[in-house]
């Protein structure tokens, strides 16, 4: 969050994870990691979800719950916002799943 210009798809940036938004899209888990650019001085004060405030969470939830409404109304649901520790736990689970399901195909 807080990027003032769009990032190109597939680019790599150094980011600081601050939380996760648990999300369901069409009945499937599609969690969203929340992070800020690590070297952006405008984001130095943001170290947790609490630093964003409740309004940013409401805006974010509203966007994600409604972005598919023209195509498939009511298919997306925000399940809550969680701290950095939960985000890192989910990232590690994804890393393991990647190793177990994707990398093994190339062994």
PDB file of N, CA and C in Angstrom:
ATOM      1  N   UNK A   1       0.842  -1.180   0.000  1.00  0.00           N
ATOM      2  CA  UNK A   1       0.000   0.000   0.000  1.00  0.00           C
ATOM      3  C   UNK A   1       0.890   1.247   0.000  1.00  0.00           C
ATOM      4  N   UNK A   2       0.338   2.344  -0.423  1.00  0.00           N
ATOM      5  CA  UNK A   2       1.057   3.592  -0.387  1.00  0.00           C
ATOM      6  C   UNK A   2       1.973   3.827  -1.568  1.00  0.00           C
ATOM      7  N   UNK A   3       1.883   2.997  -2.585  1.00  0.00           N
ATOM      8  CA  UNK A   3       2.710   3.199  -3.775  1.00  0.00           C
ATOM      9  C   UNK A   3       2.080   4.337  -4.569  1.00  0.00           C
ATOM     10  N   UNK A   4       2.861   5.369  -4.892  1.00  0.00           N
ATOM     11  CA  UNK A   4       2.298   6.522  -5.581  1.00  0.00           C
ATOM     12  C   UNK A   4       2.250   6.329  -7.092  1.00  0.00           C
ATOM     13  N   UNK A   5       2.999   5.362  -7.613  1.00  0.00           N
ATOM     14  CA  UNK A   5       2.959   5.044  -9.031  1.00  0.00           C
ATOM     15  C   UNK A   5       2.784   3.534  -9.171  1.00  0.00           C
ATOM     16  N   UNK A   6       2.105   3.101 -10.244  1.00  0.00           N
ATOM     17  CA  UNK A   6       1.885   1.659 -10.400  1.00  0.00           C
ATOM     18  C   UNK A   6       3.200   0.894 -10.528  1.00  0.00           C
ATOM     19  N   UNK A   7       3.211  -0.310  -9.981  1.00  0.00           N
ATOM     20  CA  UNK A   7       4.346  -1.207 -10.144  1.00  0.00           C
ATOM     21  C   UNK A   7       4.058  -2.125 -11.326  1.00  0.00           C
ATOM     22  N   UNK A   8       5.071  -2.425 -12.100  1.00  0.00           N
ATOM     23  CA  UNK A   8       4.893  -3.311 -13.247  1.00  0.00           C
ATOM     24  C   UNK A   8       4.636  -4.732 -12.766  1.00  0.00           C
ATOM     25  N   UNK A   9       3.720  -5.451 -13.414  1.00  0.00           N
ATOM     26  CA  UNK A   9       3.484  -6.854 -13.034  1.00  0.00           C
ATOM     27  C   UNK A   9       4.778  -7.658 -13.091  1.00  0.00           C
ATOM     28  N   UNK A  10       4.991  -8.467 -12.081  1.00  0.00           N
ATOM     29  CA  UNK A  10       6.166  -9.334 -12.050  1.00  0.00           C
ATOM     30  C   UNK A  10       7.429  -8.690 -11.518  1.00  0.00           C
ATOM     31  N   UNK A  11       7.366  -7.399 -11.179  1.00  0.00           N
ATOM     32  CA  UNK A  11       8.574  -6.764 -10.659  1.00  0.00           C
ATOM     33  C   UNK A  11       8.804  -7.176  -9.204  1.00  0.00           C
ATOM     34  N   UNK A  12      10.024  -7.097  -8.777  1.00  0.00           N
ATOM     35  CA  UNK A  12      10.363  -7.422  -7.396  1.00  0.00           C
ATOM     36  C   UNK A  12      10.679  -6.147  -6.633  1.00  0.00           C
ATOM     37  N   UNK A  13      10.145  -6.041  -5.442  1.00  0.00           N
ATOM     38  CA  UNK A  13      10.432  -4.902  -4.572  1.00  0.00           C
ATOM     39  C   UNK A  13      10.717  -5.438  -3.177  1.00  0.00           C
ATOM     40  N   UNK A  14      11.468  -4.693  -2.412  1.00  0.00           N
ATOM     41  CA  UNK A  14      11.680  -5.051  -1.011  1.00  0.00           C
ATOM     42  C   UNK A  14      10.537  -4.452  -0.212  1.00  0.00           C
ATOM     43  N   UNK A  15       9.755  -5.337   0.420  1.00  0.00           N
ATOM     44  CA  UNK A  15       8.565  -4.892   1.134  1.00  0.00           C
ATOM     45  C   UNK A  15       8.604  -5.347   2.587  1.00  0.00           C
ATOM     46  N   UNK A  16       7.894  -4.594   3.419  1.00  0.00           N
ATOM     47  CA  UNK A  16       7.778  -4.912   4.838  1.00  0.00           C
ATOM     48  C   UNK A  16       6.344  -5.409   5.084  1.00  0.00           C
ATOM     49  N   UNK A  17       6.223  -6.675   5.430  1.00  0.00           N
ATOM     50  CA  UNK A  17       4.910  -7.264   5.689  1.00  0.00           C
ATOM     51  C   UNK A  17       4.363  -6.697   6.996  1.00  0.00           C
ATOM     52  N   UNK A  18       3.101  -6.255   6.953  1.00  0.00           N
ATOM     53  CA  UNK A  18       2.494  -5.712   8.175  1.00  0.00           C
ATOM     54  C   UNK A  18       1.216  -6.439   8.567  1.00  0.00           C
ATOM     55  N   UNK A  19       0.698  -7.280   7.687  1.00  0.00           N
ATOM     56  CA  UNK A  19      -0.512  -8.008   8.034  1.00  0.00           C
ATOM     57  C   UNK A  19      -1.063  -8.789   6.865  1.00  0.00           C
ATOM     58  N   UNK A  20      -2.280  -9.305   7.065  1.00  0.00           N
ATOM     59  CA  UNK A  20      -2.955 -10.087   6.036  1.00  0.00           C
ATOM     60  C   UNK A  20      -4.450  -9.837   6.123  1.00  0.00           C
ATOM     61  N   UNK A  21      -5.082  -9.812   4.972  1.00  0.00           N
ATOM     62  CA  UNK A  21      -6.530  -9.769   4.905  1.00  0.00           C
ATOM     63  C   UNK A  21      -6.972 -11.157   4.442  1.00  0.00           C
ATOM     64  N   UNK A  22      -7.666 -11.890   5.312  1.00  0.00           N
ATOM     65  CA  UNK A  22      -8.201 -13.197   4.938  1.00  0.00           C
ATOM     66  C   UNK A  22      -9.387 -12.944   4.017  1.00  0.00           C
ATOM     67  N   UNK A  23      -9.420 -13.690   2.902  1.00  0.00           N
ATOM     68  CA  UNK A  23     -10.356 -13.373   1.834  1.00  0.00           C
ATOM     69  C   UNK A  23     -10.846 -14.645   1.162  1.00  0.00           C
ATOM     70  N   UNK A  24     -12.110 -14.659   0.798  1.00  0.00           N
ATOM     71  CA  UNK A  24     -12.698 -15.772   0.063  1.00  0.00           C
ATOM     72  C   UNK A  24     -13.225 -15.235  -1.266  1.00  0.00           C
ATOM     73  N   UNK A  25     -12.841 -15.892  -2.348  1.00  0.00           N
ATOM     74  CA  UNK A  25     -13.239 -15.469  -3.691  1.00  0.00           C
ATOM     75  C   UNK A  25     -13.876 -16.665  -4.395  1.00  0.00           C
ATOM     76  N   UNK A  26     -15.179 -16.616  -4.564  1.00  0.00           N
ATOM     77  CA  UNK A  26     -15.887 -17.698  -5.232  1.00  0.00           C
ATOM     78  C   UNK A  26     -15.767 -19.019  -4.504  1.00  0.00           C
ATOM     79  N   UNK A  27     -15.712 -18.984  -3.180  1.00  0.00           N
ATOM     80  CA  UNK A  27     -15.612 -20.191  -2.387  1.00  0.00           C
ATOM     81  C   UNK A  27     -14.192 -20.687  -2.166  1.00  0.00           C
ATOM     82  N   UNK A  28     -13.200 -20.025  -2.754  1.00  0.00           N
ATOM     83  CA  UNK A  28     -11.802 -20.416  -2.582  1.00  0.00           C
ATOM     84  C   UNK A  28     -11.056 -19.378  -1.749  1.00  0.00           C
ATOM     85  N   UNK A  29     -10.096 -19.848  -0.968  1.00  0.00           N
ATOM     86  CA  UNK A  29      -9.261 -18.944  -0.166  1.00  0.00           C
ATOM     87  C   UNK A  29      -8.353 -18.151  -1.107  1.00  0.00           C
ATOM     88  N   UNK A  30      -8.325 -16.841  -0.922  1.00  0.00           N
ATOM     89  CA  UNK A  30      -7.505 -15.949  -1.744  1.00  0.00           C
ATOM     90  C   UNK A  30      -6.992 -14.814  -0.852  1.00  0.00           C
ATOM     91  N   UNK A  31      -6.266 -15.181   0.211  1.00  0.00           N
ATOM     92  CA  UNK A  31      -5.786 -14.194   1.174  1.00  0.00           C
ATOM     93  C   UNK A  31      -4.891 -13.157   0.524  1.00  0.00           C
ATOM     94  N   UNK A  32      -4.867 -11.966   1.090  1.00  0.00           N
ATOM     95  CA  UNK A  32      -4.079 -10.839   0.580  1.00  0.00           C
ATOM     96  C   UNK A  32      -3.061 -10.409   1.630  1.00  0.00           C
ATOM     97  N   UNK A  33      -1.789 -10.537   1.300  1.00  0.00           N
ATOM     98  CA  UNK A  33      -0.732 -10.047   2.180  1.00  0.00           C
ATOM     99  C   UNK A  33      -0.701  -8.525   2.074  1.00  0.00           C
ATOM    100  N   UNK A  34      -0.613  -7.850   3.200  1.00  0.00           N
ATOM    101  CA  UNK A  34      -0.548  -6.391   3.224  1.00  0.00           C
ATOM    102  C   UNK A  34       0.876  -5.994   3.587  1.00  0.00           C
ATOM    103  N   UNK A  35       1.483  -5.199   2.712  1.00  0.00           N
ATOM    104  CA  UNK A  35       2.873  -4.795   2.909  1.00  0.00           C
ATOM    105  C   UNK A  35       3.064  -3.375   2.407  1.00  0.00           C
ATOM    106  N   UNK A  36       4.149  -2.760   2.837  1.00  0.00           N
ATOM    107  CA  UNK A  36       4.544  -1.438   2.341  1.00  0.00           C
ATOM    108  C   UNK A  36       5.962  -1.545   1.801  1.00  0.00           C
ATOM    109  N   UNK A  37       6.305  -0.638   0.909  1.00  0.00           N
ATOM    110  CA  UNK A  37       7.672  -0.621   0.392  1.00  0.00           C
ATOM    111  C   UNK A  37       8.638  -0.344   1.538  1.00  0.00           C
ATOM    112  N   UNK A  38       9.659  -1.145   1.633  1.00  0.00           N
ATOM    113  CA  UNK A  38      10.591  -1.046   2.755  1.00  0.00           C
ATOM    114  C   UNK A  38      11.430   0.225   2.722  1.00  0.00           C
ATOM    115  N   UNK A  39      11.780   0.700   1.535  1.00  0.00           N
ATOM    116  CA  UNK A  39      12.659   1.870   1.458  1.00  0.00           C
ATOM    117  C   UNK A  39      11.915   3.162   1.115  1.00  0.00           C
ATOM    118  N   UNK A  40      10.598   3.184   1.290  1.00  0.00           N
ATOM    119  CA  UNK A  40       9.809   4.390   1.050  1.00  0.00           C
ATOM    120  C   UNK A  40       9.712   5.171   2.364  1.00  0.00           C
ATOM    121  N   UNK A  41      10.377   6.290   2.438  1.00  0.00           N
ATOM    122  CA  UNK A  41      10.419   7.082   3.681  1.00  0.00           C
ATOM    123  C   UNK A  41       9.028   7.518   4.143  1.00  0.00           C
ATOM    124  N   UNK A  42       8.074   7.619   3.203  1.00  0.00           N
ATOM    125  CA  UNK A  42       6.712   7.992   3.589  1.00  0.00           C
ATOM    126  C   UNK A  42       6.026   6.879   4.366  1.00  0.00           C
ATOM    127  N   UNK A  43       6.586   5.673   4.314  1.00  0.00           N
ATOM    128  CA  UNK A  43       5.986   4.515   4.976  1.00  0.00           C
ATOM    129  C   UNK A  43       6.765   4.070   6.216  1.00  0.00           C
ATOM    130  N   UNK A  44       7.809   4.803   6.605  1.00  0.00           N
ATOM    131  CA  UNK A  44       8.640   4.416   7.751  1.00  0.00           C
ATOM    132  C   UNK A  44       7.832   4.224   9.032  1.00  0.00           C
ATOM    133  N   UNK A  45       6.777   5.005   9.201  1.00  0.00           N
ATOM    134  CA  UNK A  45       5.984   4.942  10.430  1.00  0.00           C
ATOM    135  C   UNK A  45       5.000   3.770  10.446  1.00  0.00           C
ATOM    136  N   UNK A  46       4.846   3.069   9.330  1.00  0.00           N
ATOM    137  CA  UNK A  46       3.880   1.980   9.258  1.00  0.00           C
ATOM    138  C   UNK A  46       4.595   0.659   9.523  1.00  0.00           C
ATOM    139  N   UNK A  47       4.312   0.094  10.696  1.00  0.00           N
ATOM    140  CA  UNK A  47       4.931  -1.173  11.084  1.00  0.00           C
ATOM    141  C   UNK A  47       3.894  -2.227  11.435  1.00  0.00           C
ATOM    142  N   UNK A  48       2.611  -1.834  11.483  1.00  0.00           N
ATOM    143  CA  UNK A  48       1.548  -2.783  11.798  1.00  0.00           C
ATOM    144  C   UNK A  48       0.252  -2.289  11.160  1.00  0.00           C
ATOM    145  N   UNK A  49      -0.749  -3.159  11.140  1.00  0.00           N
ATOM    146  CA  UNK A  49      -2.057  -2.761  10.597  1.00  0.00           C
ATOM    147  C   UNK A  49      -2.668  -1.609  11.377  1.00  0.00           C
ATOM    148  N   UNK A  50      -2.377  -1.522  12.658  1.00  0.00           N
ATOM    149  CA  UNK A  50      -2.931  -0.445  13.490  1.00  0.00           C
ATOM    150  C   UNK A  50      -2.490   0.927  12.979  1.00  0.00           C
ATOM    151  N   UNK A  51      -1.327   0.986  12.341  1.00  0.00           N
ATOM    152  CA  UNK A  51      -0.825   2.262  11.828  1.00  0.00           C
ATOM    153  C   UNK A  51      -1.631   2.780  10.641  1.00  0.00           C
ATOM    154  N   UNK A  52      -2.386   1.899   9.980  1.00  0.00           N
ATOM    155  CA  UNK A  52      -3.242   2.329   8.867  1.00  0.00           C
ATOM    156  C   UNK A  52      -4.526   2.961   9.358  1.00  0.00           C
ATOM    157  N   UNK A  53      -5.049   2.478  10.455  1.00  0.00           N
ATOM    158  CA  UNK A  53      -6.318   2.967  10.960  1.00  0.00           C
ATOM    159  C   UNK A  53      -7.491   2.183  10.383  1.00  0.00           C
ATOM    160  N   UNK A  54      -8.621   2.332  11.012  1.00  0.00           N
ATOM    161  CA  UNK A  54      -9.815   1.567  10.644  1.00  0.00           C
ATOM    162  C   UNK A  54     -10.380   1.952   9.282  1.00  0.00           C
ATOM    163  N   UNK A  55     -10.268   3.225   8.908  1.00  0.00           N
ATOM    164  CA  UNK A  55     -10.876   3.648   7.638  1.00  0.00           C
ATOM    165  C   UNK A  55     -10.194   2.978   6.444  1.00  0.00           C
ATOM    166  N   UNK A  56      -8.883   2.850   6.469  1.00  0.00           N
ATOM    167  CA  UNK A  56      -8.172   2.181   5.378  1.00  0.00           C
ATOM    168  C   UNK A  56      -8.620   0.721   5.286  1.00  0.00           C
ATOM    169  N   UNK A  57      -8.812   0.071   6.420  1.00  0.00           N
ATOM    170  CA  UNK A  57      -9.309  -1.313   6.408  1.00  0.00           C
ATOM    171  C   UNK A  57     -10.697  -1.376   5.773  1.00  0.00           C
ATOM    172  N   UNK A  58     -11.567  -0.433   6.116  1.00  0.00           N
ATOM    173  CA  UNK A  58     -12.915  -0.410   5.547  1.00  0.00           C
ATOM    174  C   UNK A  58     -12.873  -0.193   4.038  1.00  0.00           C
ATOM    175  N   UNK A  59     -12.037   0.746   3.582  1.00  0.00           N
ATOM    176  CA  UNK A  59     -11.896   1.000   2.141  1.00  0.00           C
ATOM    177  C   UNK A  59     -11.392  -0.243   1.420  1.00  0.00           C
ATOM    178  N   UNK A  60     -10.389  -0.891   2.006  1.00  0.00           N
ATOM    179  CA  UNK A  60      -9.796  -2.083   1.404  1.00  0.00           C
ATOM    180  C   UNK A  60     -10.821  -3.205   1.333  1.00  0.00           C
ATOM    181  N   UNK A  61     -11.523  -3.454   2.428  1.00  0.00           N
ATOM    182  CA  UNK A  61     -12.543  -4.504   2.452  1.00  0.00           C
ATOM    183  C   UNK A  61     -13.638  -4.218   1.434  1.00  0.00           C
ATOM    184  N   UNK A  62     -14.071  -2.958   1.369  1.00  0.00           N
ATOM    185  CA  UNK A  62     -15.122  -2.588   0.412  1.00  0.00           C
ATOM    186  C   UNK A  62     -14.672  -2.866  -1.021  1.00  0.00           C
ATOM    187  N   UNK A  63     -13.463  -2.467  -1.358  1.00  0.00           N
ATOM    188  CA  UNK A  63     -12.959  -2.707  -2.716  1.00  0.00           C
ATOM    189  C   UNK A  63     -12.979  -4.199  -3.039  1.00  0.00           C
ATOM    190  N   UNK A  64     -12.364  -5.016  -2.189  1.00  0.00           N
ATOM    191  CA  UNK A  64     -12.226  -6.443  -2.486  1.00  0.00           C
ATOM    192  C   UNK A  64     -13.561  -7.174  -2.462  1.00  0.00           C
ATOM    193  N   UNK A  65     -14.505  -6.741  -1.647  1.00  0.00           N
ATOM    194  CA  UNK A  65     -15.810  -7.406  -1.624  1.00  0.00           C
ATOM    195  C   UNK A  65     -16.666  -7.031  -2.827  1.00  0.00           C
ATOM    196  N   UNK A  66     -16.332  -5.941  -3.489  1.00  0.00           N
ATOM    197  CA  UNK A  66     -17.177  -5.456  -4.579  1.00  0.00           C
ATOM    198  C   UNK A  66     -16.533  -5.444  -5.960  1.00  0.00           C
ATOM    199  N   UNK A  67     -15.271  -5.774  -6.095  1.00  0.00           N
ATOM    200  CA  UNK A  67     -14.607  -5.587  -7.381  1.00  0.00           C
ATOM    201  C   UNK A  67     -15.096  -6.529  -8.472  1.00  0.00           C
ATOM    202  N   UNK A  68     -15.775  -7.586  -8.124  1.00  0.00           N
ATOM    203  CA  UNK A  68     -16.308  -8.509  -9.132  1.00  0.00           C
ATOM    204  C   UNK A  68     -17.826  -8.404  -9.280  1.00  0.00           C
ATOM    205  N   UNK A  69     -18.440  -7.414  -8.672  1.00  0.00           N
ATOM    206  CA  UNK A  69     -19.895  -7.347  -8.647  1.00  0.00           C
ATOM    207  C   UNK A  69     -20.545  -7.267 -10.024  1.00  0.00           C
ATOM    208  N   UNK A  70     -19.906  -6.676 -11.013  1.00  0.00           N
ATOM    209  CA  UNK A  70     -20.512  -6.608 -12.341  1.00  0.00           C
ATOM    210  C   UNK A  70     -20.523  -7.974 -13.014  1.00  0.00           C
ATOM    211  N   UNK A  71     -19.537  -8.803 -12.698  1.00  0.00           N
ATOM    212  CA  UNK A  71     -19.421 -10.115 -13.328  1.00  0.00           C
ATOM    213  C   UNK A  71     -20.105 -11.209 -12.504  1.00  0.00           C
ATOM    214  N   UNK A  72     -19.794 -11.261 -11.209  1.00  0.00           N
ATOM    215  CA  UNK A  72     -20.334 -12.299 -10.320  1.00  0.00           C
ATOM    216  C   UNK A  72     -20.659 -11.684  -8.966  1.00  0.00           C
ATOM    217  N   UNK A  73     -21.818 -11.049  -8.837  1.00  0.00           N
ATOM    218  CA  UNK A  73     -22.153 -10.372  -7.580  1.00  0.00           C
ATOM    219  C   UNK A  73     -22.141 -11.310  -6.373  1.00  0.00           C
ATOM    220  N   UNK A  74     -21.619 -10.799  -5.257  1.00  0.00           N
ATOM    221  CA  UNK A  74     -21.653 -11.514  -3.994  1.00  0.00           C
ATOM    222  C   UNK A  74     -20.728 -12.704  -3.872  1.00  0.00           C
ATOM    223  N   UNK A  75     -19.734 -12.815  -4.742  1.00  0.00           N
ATOM    224  CA  UNK A  75     -18.851 -13.984  -4.697  1.00  0.00           C
ATOM    225  C   UNK A  75     -17.607 -13.768  -3.850  1.00  0.00           C
ATOM    226  N   UNK A  76     -17.374 -12.555  -3.379  1.00  0.00           N
ATOM    227  CA  UNK A  76     -16.160 -12.256  -2.613  1.00  0.00           C
ATOM    228  C   UNK A  76     -16.533 -11.833  -1.192  1.00  0.00           C
ATOM    229  N   UNK A  77     -15.724 -12.293  -0.236  1.00  0.00           N
ATOM    230  CA  UNK A  77     -16.017 -11.979   1.160  1.00  0.00           C
ATOM    231  C   UNK A  77     -14.723 -11.803   1.947  1.00  0.00           C
ATOM    232  N   UNK A  78     -14.593 -10.671   2.632  1.00  0.00           N
ATOM    233  CA  UNK A  78     -13.466 -10.438   3.538  1.00  0.00           C
ATOM    234  C   UNK A  78     -13.770 -11.142   4.850  1.00  0.00           C
ATOM    235  N   UNK A  79     -12.826 -11.960   5.300  1.00  0.00           N
ATOM    236  CA  UNK A  79     -13.005 -12.743   6.521  1.00  0.00           C
ATOM    237  C   UNK A  79     -12.318 -12.113   7.727  1.00  0.00           C
ATOM    238  N   UNK A  80     -11.594 -11.000   7.507  1.00  0.00           N
ATOM    239  CA  UNK A  80     -10.963 -10.295   8.607  1.00  0.00           C
ATOM    240  C   UNK A  80      -9.531  -9.893   8.313  1.00  0.00           C
ATOM    241  N   UNK A  81      -9.021  -9.002   9.145  1.00  0.00           N
ATOM    242  CA  UNK A  81      -7.645  -8.528   9.053  1.00  0.00           C
ATOM    243  C   UNK A  81      -6.863  -9.097  10.232  1.00  0.00           C
ATOM    244  N   UNK A  82      -5.626  -9.515   9.956  1.00  0.00           N
ATOM    245  CA  UNK A  82      -4.811 -10.150  10.992  1.00  0.00           C
ATOM    246  C   UNK A  82      -3.400  -9.578  10.958  1.00  0.00           C
ATOM    247  N   UNK A  83      -2.660  -9.786  12.038  1.00  0.00           N
ATOM    248  CA  UNK A  83      -1.350  -9.166  12.231  1.00  0.00           C
ATOM    249  C   UNK A  83      -0.241  -9.813  11.395  1.00  0.00           C
ATOM    250  N   UNK A  84       0.931  -9.215  11.530  1.00  0.00           N
ATOM    251  CA  UNK A  84       2.126  -9.637  10.791  1.00  0.00           C
ATOM    252  C   UNK A  84       2.460 -11.104  11.042  1.00  0.00           C
ATOM    253  N   UNK A  85       2.309 -11.561  12.269  1.00  0.00           N
ATOM    254  CA  UNK A  85       2.646 -12.946  12.594  1.00  0.00           C
ATOM    255  C   UNK A  85       1.785 -13.919  11.797  1.00  0.00           C
ATOM    256  N   UNK A  86       0.501 -13.621  11.674  1.00  0.00           N
ATOM    257  CA  UNK A  86      -0.392 -14.471  10.883  1.00  0.00           C
ATOM    258  C   UNK A  86      -0.010 -14.414   9.402  1.00  0.00           C
ATOM    259  N   UNK A  87       0.350 -13.238   8.925  1.00  0.00           N
ATOM    260  CA  UNK A  87       0.761 -13.099   7.521  1.00  0.00           C
ATOM    261  C   UNK A  87       1.997 -13.944   7.237  1.00  0.00           C
ATOM    262  N   UNK A  88       2.974 -13.896   8.119  1.00  0.00           N
ATOM    263  CA  UNK A  88       4.207 -14.664   7.922  1.00  0.00           C
ATOM    264  C   UNK A  88       3.912 -16.164   7.990  1.00  0.00           C
ATOM    265  N   UNK A  89       3.017 -16.563   8.876  1.00  0.00           N
ATOM    266  CA  UNK A  89       2.609 -17.968   8.956  1.00  0.00           C
ATOM    267  C   UNK A  89       2.020 -18.425   7.616  1.00  0.00           C
ATOM    268  N   UNK A  90       1.135 -17.623   7.034  1.00  0.00           N
ATOM    269  CA  UNK A  90       0.515 -17.965   5.748  1.00  0.00           C
ATOM    270  C   UNK A  90       1.561 -17.988   4.637  1.00  0.00           C
ATOM    271  N   UNK A  91       2.494 -17.044   4.641  1.00  0.00           N
ATOM    272  CA  UNK A  91       3.561 -17.019   3.631  1.00  0.00           C
ATOM    273  C   UNK A  91       4.377 -18.303   3.709  1.00  0.00           C
ATOM    274  N   UNK A  92       4.726 -18.713   4.915  1.00  0.00           N
ATOM    275  CA  UNK A  92       5.514 -19.954   5.085  1.00  0.00           C
ATOM    276  C   UNK A  92       4.729 -21.175   4.625  1.00  0.00           C
ATOM    277  N   UNK A  93       3.432 -21.217   4.922  1.00  0.00           N
ATOM    278  CA  UNK A  93       2.595 -22.323   4.444  1.00  0.00           C
ATOM    279  C   UNK A  93       2.569 -22.359   2.921  1.00  0.00           C
ATOM    280  N   UNK A  94       2.501 -21.198   2.293  1.00  0.00           N
ATOM    281  CA  UNK A  94       2.509 -21.119   0.829  1.00  0.00           C
ATOM    282  C   UNK A  94       3.847 -21.580   0.257  1.00  0.00           C
ATOM    283  N   UNK A  95       4.935 -21.202   0.919  1.00  0.00           N
ATOM    284  CA  UNK A  95       6.260 -21.664   0.482  1.00  0.00           C
ATOM    285  C   UNK A  95       6.337 -23.184   0.499  1.00  0.00           C
ATOM    286  N   UNK A  96       5.841 -23.794   1.573  1.00  0.00           N
ATOM    287  CA  UNK A  96       5.871 -25.255   1.690  1.00  0.00           C
ATOM    288  C   UNK A  96       4.991 -25.908   0.628  1.00  0.00           C
ATOM    289  N   UNK A  97       3.805 -25.348   0.415  1.00  0.00           N
ATOM    290  CA  UNK A  97       2.910 -25.883  -0.604  1.00  0.00           C
ATOM    291  C   UNK A  97       3.547 -25.778  -1.987  1.00  0.00           C
ATOM    292  N   UNK A  98       4.238 -24.687  -2.250  1.00  0.00           N
ATOM    293  CA  UNK A  98       4.941 -24.504  -3.523  1.00  0.00           C
ATOM    294  C   UNK A  98       6.012 -25.583  -3.690  1.00  0.00           C
ATOM    295  N   UNK A  99       6.793 -25.801  -2.642  1.00  0.00           N
ATOM    296  CA  UNK A  99       7.842 -26.827  -2.698  1.00  0.00           C
ATOM    297  C   UNK A  99       7.241 -28.215  -2.919  1.00  0.00           C
ATOM    298  N   UNK A 100       6.157 -28.511  -2.213  1.00  0.00           N
ATOM    299  CA  UNK A 100       5.561 -29.842  -2.261  1.00  0.00           C
ATOM    300  C   UNK A 100       4.793 -30.126  -3.544  1.00  0.00           C
ATOM    301  N   UNK A 101       4.159 -29.109  -4.119  1.00  0.00           N
ATOM    302  CA  UNK A 101       3.310 -29.379  -5.281  1.00  0.00           C
ATOM    303  C   UNK A 101       3.918 -28.935  -6.612  1.00  0.00           C
ATOM    304  N   UNK A 102       4.653 -27.848  -6.616  1.00  0.00           N
ATOM    305  CA  UNK A 102       5.163 -27.327  -7.883  1.00  0.00           C
ATOM    306  C   UNK A 102       6.581 -27.808  -8.164  1.00  0.00           C
ATOM    307  N   UNK A 103       7.477 -27.599  -7.239  1.00  0.00           N
ATOM    308  CA  UNK A 103       8.884 -27.946  -7.479  1.00  0.00           C
ATOM    309  C   UNK A 103       9.091 -29.437  -7.707  1.00  0.00           C
ATOM    310  N   UNK A 104       8.293 -30.258  -7.054  1.00  0.00           N
ATOM    311  CA  UNK A 104       8.445 -31.712  -7.208  1.00  0.00           C
ATOM    312  C   UNK A 104       8.177 -32.165  -8.643  1.00  0.00           C
ATOM    313  N   UNK A 105       7.403 -31.389  -9.394  1.00  0.00           N
ATOM    314  CA  UNK A 105       7.125 -31.718 -10.782  1.00  0.00           C
ATOM    315  C   UNK A 105       8.379 -31.624 -11.645  1.00  0.00           C
ATOM    316  N   UNK A 106       9.394 -30.911 -11.170  1.00  0.00           N
ATOM    317  CA  UNK A 106      10.592 -30.681 -11.962  1.00  0.00           C
ATOM    318  C   UNK A 106      11.795 -31.480 -11.465  1.00  0.00           C
ATOM    319  N   UNK A 107      11.574 -32.357 -10.513  1.00  0.00           N
ATOM    320  CA  UNK A 107      12.673 -33.179  -9.982  1.00  0.00           C
ATOM    321  C   UNK A 107      12.949 -34.360 -10.888  1.00  0.00           C
TER     322      UNK A 107
END
